[in-house]
Amino acid sequence: MTRVVPALHDRHAPISLQDAFLDAVEAFDGWQPGQEEPTIEFEDKLIPISSIFGRMRASDDLAPEKVRLAYSATVGNDPGAPDPHAFTYGYAASRLRELSLEMLREGAG
């Protein structure tokens, strides 16, 4: 599925992928145990959110406030999170990918 999702260029994500990441964070927030993994529409295809998170793990792009707020609303208190001036898409993606895989292992979908 990640072949549909564009690669990073020198650890930077295209804007379309950054936008998809925010959609994926919001979809994760509504994911309940026992439900199938949420998907988002990206370039006219449905992509599992874990694929978006997986692709973004290596991103060094600083996350804007709206992404940081969505991440915090979804994950809650994260004492390991970097300060806002160092908070990257890669950090959020790694944590959300980990949480997605936990949900999948627990039989959520």
C-alpha atoms as a PDB file:
ATOM      1  CA  MET A   1       0.000   0.000   0.000  1.00  0.00           C
ATOM      2  CA  THR A   2       2.885   2.383   0.621  1.00  0.00           C
ATOM      3  CA  ARG A   3       3.693   2.346  -3.120  1.00  0.00           C
ATOM      4  CA  VAL A   4       0.656   4.590  -3.600  1.00  0.00           C
ATOM      5  CA  VAL A   5       1.959   6.995  -0.976  1.00  0.00           C
ATOM      6  CA  PRO A   6       4.753   9.211  -2.324  1.00  0.00           C
ATOM      7  CA  ALA A   7       8.239   8.839  -0.966  1.00  0.00           C
ATOM      8  CA  LEU A   8       9.911  11.533   1.075  1.00  0.00           C
ATOM      9  CA  HIS A   9      12.517  13.651  -0.660  1.00  0.00           C
ATOM     10  CA  ASP A  10      15.582  14.176   1.517  1.00  0.00           C
ATOM     11  CA  ARG A  11      13.390  13.438   4.569  1.00  0.00           C
ATOM     12  CA  HIS A  12      10.825  16.041   3.504  1.00  0.00           C
ATOM     13  CA  ALA A  13       7.207  15.180   2.730  1.00  0.00           C
ATOM     14  CA  PRO A  14       5.211  16.719  -0.091  1.00  0.00           C
ATOM     15  CA  ILE A  15       2.391  18.992   1.069  1.00  0.00           C
ATOM     16  CA  SER A  16      -0.197  16.460  -0.126  1.00  0.00           C
ATOM     17  CA  LEU A  17       1.309  13.867   2.229  1.00  0.00           C
ATOM     18  CA  GLN A  18       1.434  16.348   5.109  1.00  0.00           C
ATOM     19  CA  ASP A  19      -2.283  17.025   4.550  1.00  0.00           C
ATOM     20  CA  ALA A  20      -2.992  13.290   4.423  1.00  0.00           C
ATOM     21  CA  PHE A  21      -1.113  12.868   7.689  1.00  0.00           C
ATOM     22  CA  LEU A  22      -3.470  15.265   9.464  1.00  0.00           C
ATOM     23  CA  ASP A  23      -6.448  13.346   8.038  1.00  0.00           C
ATOM     24  CA  ALA A  24      -4.879  10.112   9.313  1.00  0.00           C
ATOM     25  CA  VAL A  25      -4.389  11.548  12.823  1.00  0.00           C
ATOM     26  CA  GLU A  26      -8.031  12.593  12.915  1.00  0.00           C
ATOM     27  CA  ALA A  27      -9.120   9.151  11.672  1.00  0.00           C
ATOM     28  CA  PHE A  28      -6.986   7.469  14.336  1.00  0.00           C
ATOM     29  CA  ASP A  29      -8.716   9.538  17.004  1.00  0.00           C
ATOM     30  CA  GLY A  30     -12.048   7.891  16.156  1.00  0.00           C
ATOM     31  CA  TRP A  31     -10.670   4.342  15.928  1.00  0.00           C
ATOM     32  CA  GLN A  32     -12.249   2.100  18.544  1.00  0.00           C
ATOM     33  CA  PRO A  33     -11.132  -1.405  19.572  1.00  0.00           C
ATOM     34  CA  GLY A  34     -12.889  -4.020  17.480  1.00  0.00           C
ATOM     35  CA  GLN A  35     -13.180  -1.782  14.433  1.00  0.00           C
ATOM     36  CA  GLU A  36     -11.234  -2.211  11.211  1.00  0.00           C
ATOM     37  CA  GLU A  37      -8.290   0.067  10.656  1.00  0.00           C
ATOM     38  CA  PRO A  38      -9.457   3.437   9.358  1.00  0.00           C
ATOM     39  CA  THR A  39      -8.539   4.533   5.874  1.00  0.00           C
ATOM     40  CA  ILE A  40      -8.250   7.952   4.326  1.00  0.00           C
ATOM     41  CA  GLU A  41      -8.649   8.997   0.737  1.00  0.00           C
ATOM     42  CA  PHE A  42      -5.375   9.927  -0.894  1.00  0.00           C
ATOM     43  CA  GLU A  43      -5.128  10.587  -4.616  1.00  0.00           C
ATOM     44  CA  ASP A  44      -8.461   8.827  -5.191  1.00  0.00           C
ATOM     45  CA  LYS A  45      -7.423   5.685  -3.304  1.00  0.00           C
ATOM     46  CA  LEU A  46      -8.282   4.475   0.189  1.00  0.00           C
ATOM     47  CA  ILE A  47      -5.090   4.122   2.215  1.00  0.00           C
ATOM     48  CA  PRO A  48      -4.825   2.561   5.701  1.00  0.00           C
ATOM     49  CA  ILE A  49      -3.723   5.170   8.201  1.00  0.00           C
ATOM     50  CA  SER A  50      -0.809   2.998   9.338  1.00  0.00           C
ATOM     51  CA  SER A  51       0.624   3.300   5.801  1.00  0.00           C
ATOM     52  CA  ILE A  52       0.539   7.083   6.042  1.00  0.00           C
ATOM     53  CA  PHE A  53       2.183   6.977   9.467  1.00  0.00           C
ATOM     54  CA  GLY A  54       4.778   4.493   8.212  1.00  0.00           C
ATOM     55  CA  ARG A  55       5.766   6.668   5.272  1.00  0.00           C
ATOM     56  CA  MET A  56       6.069   9.784   7.449  1.00  0.00           C
ATOM     57  CA  ARG A  57       8.271   8.235  10.164  1.00  0.00           C
ATOM     58  CA  ALA A  58      11.454   9.544   8.570  1.00  0.00           C
ATOM     59  CA  SER A  59      10.183  13.082   7.999  1.00  0.00           C
ATOM     60  CA  ASP A  60      12.243  15.881   9.493  1.00  0.00           C
ATOM     61  CA  ASP A  61       9.596  18.483   8.654  1.00  0.00           C
ATOM     62  CA  LEU A  62       8.460  20.503  11.645  1.00  0.00           C
ATOM     63  CA  ALA A  63       4.793  19.893  12.375  1.00  0.00           C
ATOM     64  CA  PRO A  64       2.568  22.971  12.429  1.00  0.00           C
ATOM     65  CA  GLU A  65       0.409  23.773  15.416  1.00  0.00           C
ATOM     66  CA  LYS A  66      -2.723  22.168  13.960  1.00  0.00           C
ATOM     67  CA  VAL A  67      -0.868  18.848  13.646  1.00  0.00           C
ATOM     68  CA  ARG A  68       0.608  19.119  17.154  1.00  0.00           C
ATOM     69  CA  LEU A  69      -2.848  19.875  18.581  1.00  0.00           C
ATOM     70  CA  ALA A  70      -4.453  16.968  16.709  1.00  0.00           C
ATOM     71  CA  TYR A  71      -1.662  14.667  17.910  1.00  0.00           C
ATOM     72  CA  SER A  72      -2.089  15.807  21.523  1.00  0.00           C
ATOM     73  CA  ALA A  73      -5.871  15.422  21.354  1.00  0.00           C
ATOM     74  CA  THR A  74      -5.420  11.897  20.011  1.00  0.00           C
ATOM     75  CA  VAL A  75      -2.543  10.595  22.114  1.00  0.00           C
ATOM     76  CA  GLY A  76      -3.079  12.619  25.271  1.00  0.00           C
ATOM     77  CA  ASN A  77      -0.196  13.430  27.554  1.00  0.00           C
ATOM     78  CA  ASP A  78       3.052  12.361  25.922  1.00  0.00           C
ATOM     79  CA  PRO A  79       5.929  13.154  28.267  1.00  0.00           C
ATOM     80  CA  GLY A  80       8.449  12.098  25.605  1.00  0.00           C
ATOM     81  CA  ALA A  81       7.205  14.583  23.011  1.00  0.00           C
ATOM     82  CA  PRO A  82       9.682  17.247  21.954  1.00  0.00           C
ATOM     83  CA  ASP A  83       8.925  20.895  22.541  1.00  0.00           C
ATOM     84  CA  PRO A  84       6.857  22.627  19.832  1.00  0.00           C
ATOM     85  CA  HIS A  85       9.930  24.075  18.107  1.00  0.00           C
ATOM     86  CA  ALA A  86      11.356  20.578  17.573  1.00  0.00           C
ATOM     87  CA  PHE A  87       8.143  18.554  17.087  1.00  0.00           C
ATOM     88  CA  THR A  88       8.387  16.820  13.710  1.00  0.00           C
ATOM     89  CA  TYR A  89       5.990  14.839  11.585  1.00  0.00           C
ATOM     90  CA  GLY A  90       8.453  11.977  12.023  1.00  0.00           C
ATOM     91  CA  TYR A  91       8.087  11.977  15.803  1.00  0.00           C
ATOM     92  CA  ALA A  92       4.284  11.963  15.649  1.00  0.00           C
ATOM     93  CA  ALA A  93       4.237   9.398  12.842  1.00  0.00           C
ATOM     94  CA  SER A  94       6.507   6.984  14.716  1.00  0.00           C
ATOM     95  CA  ARG A  95       4.354   7.135  17.833  1.00  0.00           C
ATOM     96  CA  LEU A  96       1.080   6.819  15.897  1.00  0.00           C
ATOM     97  CA  ARG A  97       2.434   3.963  13.778  1.00  0.00           C
ATOM     98  CA  GLU A  98       3.368   2.153  16.992  1.00  0.00           C
ATOM     99  CA  LEU A  99      -0.127   2.727  18.420  1.00  0.00           C
ATOM    100  CA  SER A 100      -1.734   1.613  15.148  1.00  0.00           C
ATOM    101  CA  LEU A 101       0.204  -1.639  15.146  1.00  0.00           C
ATOM    102  CA  GLU A 102      -0.818  -2.240  18.777  1.00  0.00           C
ATOM    103  CA  MET A 103      -4.460  -1.776  17.799  1.00  0.00           C
ATOM    104  CA  LEU A 104      -4.057  -4.205  14.904  1.00  0.00           C
ATOM    105  CA  ARG A 105      -2.313  -6.807  17.088  1.00  0.00           C
ATOM    106  CA  GLU A 106      -5.133  -6.554  19.611  1.00  0.00           C
ATOM    107  CA  GLY A 107      -7.555  -7.574  16.878  1.00  0.00           C
ATOM    108  CA  ALA A 108      -9.014  -4.212  16.090  1.00  0.00           C
ATOM    109  CA  GLY A 109      -9.188  -4.980  12.412  1.00  0.00           C
END
